[in-house]
Amino acid sequence: MDYQPPPFFSRGPAPLVRLGFFVCLAVLLMVLDARFRYAESLRQVIALLAYPLQRVALAPGEMFGAAAGFFTTQVSLKQENEQLKAKQLQAANELLTVQALRSENAQLRRMLEARERLPRESTLAEILYQGRDPFSRKVIIDKGR
């Protein structure tokens, strides 16, 4: 009895020979396409048909990136909001201090019956030397011309 394998397991050329044949065929097709541009319309049709599949395949990654960007932006906005609230509290505190000082200054001026601004002419001068004796007020200045 002669046993023959079923046609599913038929023997053909060796795998290395098949590989060499298909590599040569691929190189030949690439050279012909580069020279005569015969497959350009075929490539466009394949790209047109493959585009929806490409979009579906890329959608999960794009959605993940958008969600990550959203949460990153939300976290940074919360941090910025906290910083701005702290700055606002500090500015309000400084404003209250300035208002209190202005009020106190106005009250002291009223008590001294002094004018708000004295109309005097002023000249810019530079202090050159101040005396060492703490009990005398000697200052040498250079006021220029």
Protein backbone atom coordinates (compact mmCIF):
# COMPACT_ATOMS: atom_id res chain seq x y z
CA MET A 1 0.00 0.00 0.00
CA ASP A 2 1.34 3.27 -1.06
CA TYR A 3 0.46 6.10 1.31
CA GLN A 4 0.07 9.54 -0.18
CA PRO A 5 -0.42 12.66 1.93
CA PRO A 6 -3.73 14.44 1.57
CA PRO A 7 -3.79 17.31 -0.92
CA PHE A 8 -3.78 19.80 1.98
CA PHE A 9 -0.18 18.88 2.74
CA SER A 10 0.97 18.79 -0.87
CA ARG A 11 4.64 19.33 -1.39
CA GLY A 12 5.78 22.19 -3.54
CA PRO A 13 8.98 24.11 -3.97
CA ALA A 14 11.15 24.57 -0.91
CA PRO A 15 10.32 27.59 1.28
CA LEU A 16 13.67 29.23 0.49
CA VAL A 17 13.00 28.95 -3.25
CA ARG A 18 9.53 30.44 -2.77
CA LEU A 19 11.00 33.30 -0.75
CA GLY A 20 13.60 34.03 -3.43
CA PHE A 21 10.94 34.01 -6.16
CA PHE A 22 8.67 36.45 -4.33
CA VAL A 23 11.57 38.75 -3.44
CA CYS A 24 12.61 38.89 -7.10
CA LEU A 25 8.99 39.50 -8.13
CA ALA A 26 8.66 42.32 -5.58
CA VAL A 27 11.88 43.99 -6.73
CA LEU A 28 10.80 43.68 -10.38
CA LEU A 29 7.41 45.25 -9.61
CA MET A 30 9.04 48.11 -7.69
CA VAL A 31 11.46 48.83 -10.55
CA LEU A 32 8.69 48.75 -13.14
CA ASP A 33 6.48 50.98 -11.01
CA ALA A 34 9.29 53.48 -10.45
CA ARG A 35 9.99 53.57 -14.17
CA PHE A 36 6.49 53.53 -15.69
CA ARG A 37 4.24 54.63 -12.78
CA TYR A 38 1.61 52.03 -13.60
CA ALA A 39 0.54 51.34 -9.99
CA GLU A 40 -0.11 54.94 -8.92
CA SER A 41 -3.88 54.79 -9.43
CA LEU A 42 -3.97 51.37 -7.76
CA ARG A 43 -2.18 52.80 -4.71
CA GLN A 44 -4.66 55.68 -4.53
CA VAL A 45 -7.63 53.31 -4.63
CA ILE A 46 -6.11 51.09 -1.93
CA ALA A 47 -5.34 54.16 0.22
CA LEU A 48 -8.92 55.40 -0.24
CA LEU A 49 -10.33 52.04 0.84
CA ALA A 50 -7.90 51.64 3.74
CA TYR A 51 -8.42 55.15 5.18
CA PRO A 52 -11.61 54.32 7.16
CA LEU A 53 -9.92 51.25 8.62
CA GLN A 54 -6.90 53.36 9.53
CA ARG A 55 -9.13 55.93 11.29
CA VAL A 56 -10.92 53.19 13.23
CA ALA A 57 -7.59 51.66 14.27
CA LEU A 58 -6.19 55.03 15.41
CA ALA A 59 -9.36 56.16 17.23
CA PRO A 60 -8.62 54.54 20.64
CA GLY A 61 -5.17 56.11 20.80
CA GLU A 62 -6.49 59.53 19.81
CA MET A 63 -9.29 59.32 22.37
CA PHE A 64 -6.83 58.29 25.08
CA GLY A 65 -4.55 61.20 24.16
CA ALA A 66 -7.46 63.64 24.22
CA ALA A 67 -8.64 62.34 27.60
CA ALA A 68 -5.13 62.55 29.04
CA GLY A 69 -4.79 66.09 27.69
CA PHE A 70 -8.13 67.04 29.22
CA PHE A 71 -7.21 65.75 32.67
CA THR A 72 -3.74 67.28 32.49
CA THR A 73 -5.26 70.62 31.53
CA GLN A 74 -7.82 70.32 34.31
CA VAL A 75 -5.13 69.61 36.92
CA SER A 76 -2.96 72.50 35.72
CA LEU A 77 -5.98 74.84 35.74
CA LYS A 78 -6.76 73.83 39.33
CA GLN A 79 -3.16 74.51 40.36
CA GLU A 80 -3.18 77.87 38.59
CA ASN A 81 -6.51 78.71 40.25
CA GLU A 82 -5.04 77.93 43.69
CA GLN A 83 -2.01 80.12 42.96
CA LEU A 84 -4.21 82.99 41.78
CA LYS A 85 -6.39 82.73 44.89
CA ALA A 86 -3.27 82.89 47.08
CA LYS A 87 -2.01 85.94 45.15
CA GLN A 88 -5.43 87.59 45.45
CA LEU A 89 -5.43 87.07 49.23
CA GLN A 90 -1.93 88.50 49.46
CA ALA A 91 -2.89 91.51 47.32
CA ALA A 92 -6.03 92.10 49.42
CA ASN A 93 -3.91 91.98 52.58
CA GLU A 94 -1.43 94.47 51.11
CA LEU A 95 -4.30 96.73 50.01
CA LEU A 96 -5.75 96.73 53.53
CA THR A 97 -2.32 97.60 54.92
CA VAL A 98 -1.88 100.46 52.45
CA GLN A 99 -5.37 101.78 53.17
CA ALA A 100 -4.72 101.66 56.91
CA LEU A 101 -1.41 103.50 56.47
CA ARG A 102 -3.05 106.17 54.29
CA SER A 103 -5.81 106.62 56.83
CA GLU A 104 -3.30 106.87 59.67
CA ASN A 105 -1.18 109.31 57.66
CA ALA A 106 -4.20 111.51 56.93
CA GLN A 107 -5.15 111.46 60.61
CA LEU A 108 -1.61 112.44 61.64
CA ARG A 109 -1.62 115.31 59.12
CA ARG A 110 -4.91 116.56 60.52
CA MET A 111 -3.50 116.36 64.02
CA LEU A 112 -0.43 118.35 63.00
CA GLU A 113 -2.54 120.67 60.85
CA ALA A 114 -0.10 120.18 58.03
CA ARG A 115 -0.90 120.62 54.39
CA GLU A 116 -1.12 117.55 52.16
CA ARG A 117 1.60 118.76 49.79
CA LEU A 118 4.05 121.56 50.41
CA PRO A 119 4.67 123.75 47.35
CA ARG A 120 8.45 123.94 47.47
CA GLU A 121 11.09 124.00 44.81
CA SER A 122 13.55 121.19 45.13
CA THR A 123 17.06 120.64 43.88
CA LEU A 124 18.68 117.27 43.43
CA ALA A 125 21.86 116.84 45.48
CA GLU A 126 24.25 114.04 46.39
CA ILE A 127 25.51 113.45 49.94
CA LEU A 128 29.29 113.33 49.77
CA TYR A 129 30.18 113.05 53.44
CA GLN A 130 28.42 112.83 56.78
CA GLY A 131 30.15 113.82 60.01
CA ARG A 132 31.19 111.13 62.47
CA ASP A 133 29.95 112.99 65.50
CA PRO A 134 26.49 111.62 66.34
CA PHE A 135 25.59 114.78 68.29
CA SER A 136 26.07 117.18 65.37
CA ARG A 137 24.24 117.20 62.08
CA LYS A 138 26.91 118.01 59.55
CA VAL A 139 26.43 116.83 56.00
CA ILE A 140 28.51 117.81 52.99
CA ILE A 141 26.50 117.74 49.77
CA ASP A 142 27.19 118.27 46.08
CA LYS A 143 24.23 119.92 44.41
CA GLY A 144 25.95 120.65 41.12
CA ARG A 145 25.26 123.88 39.24
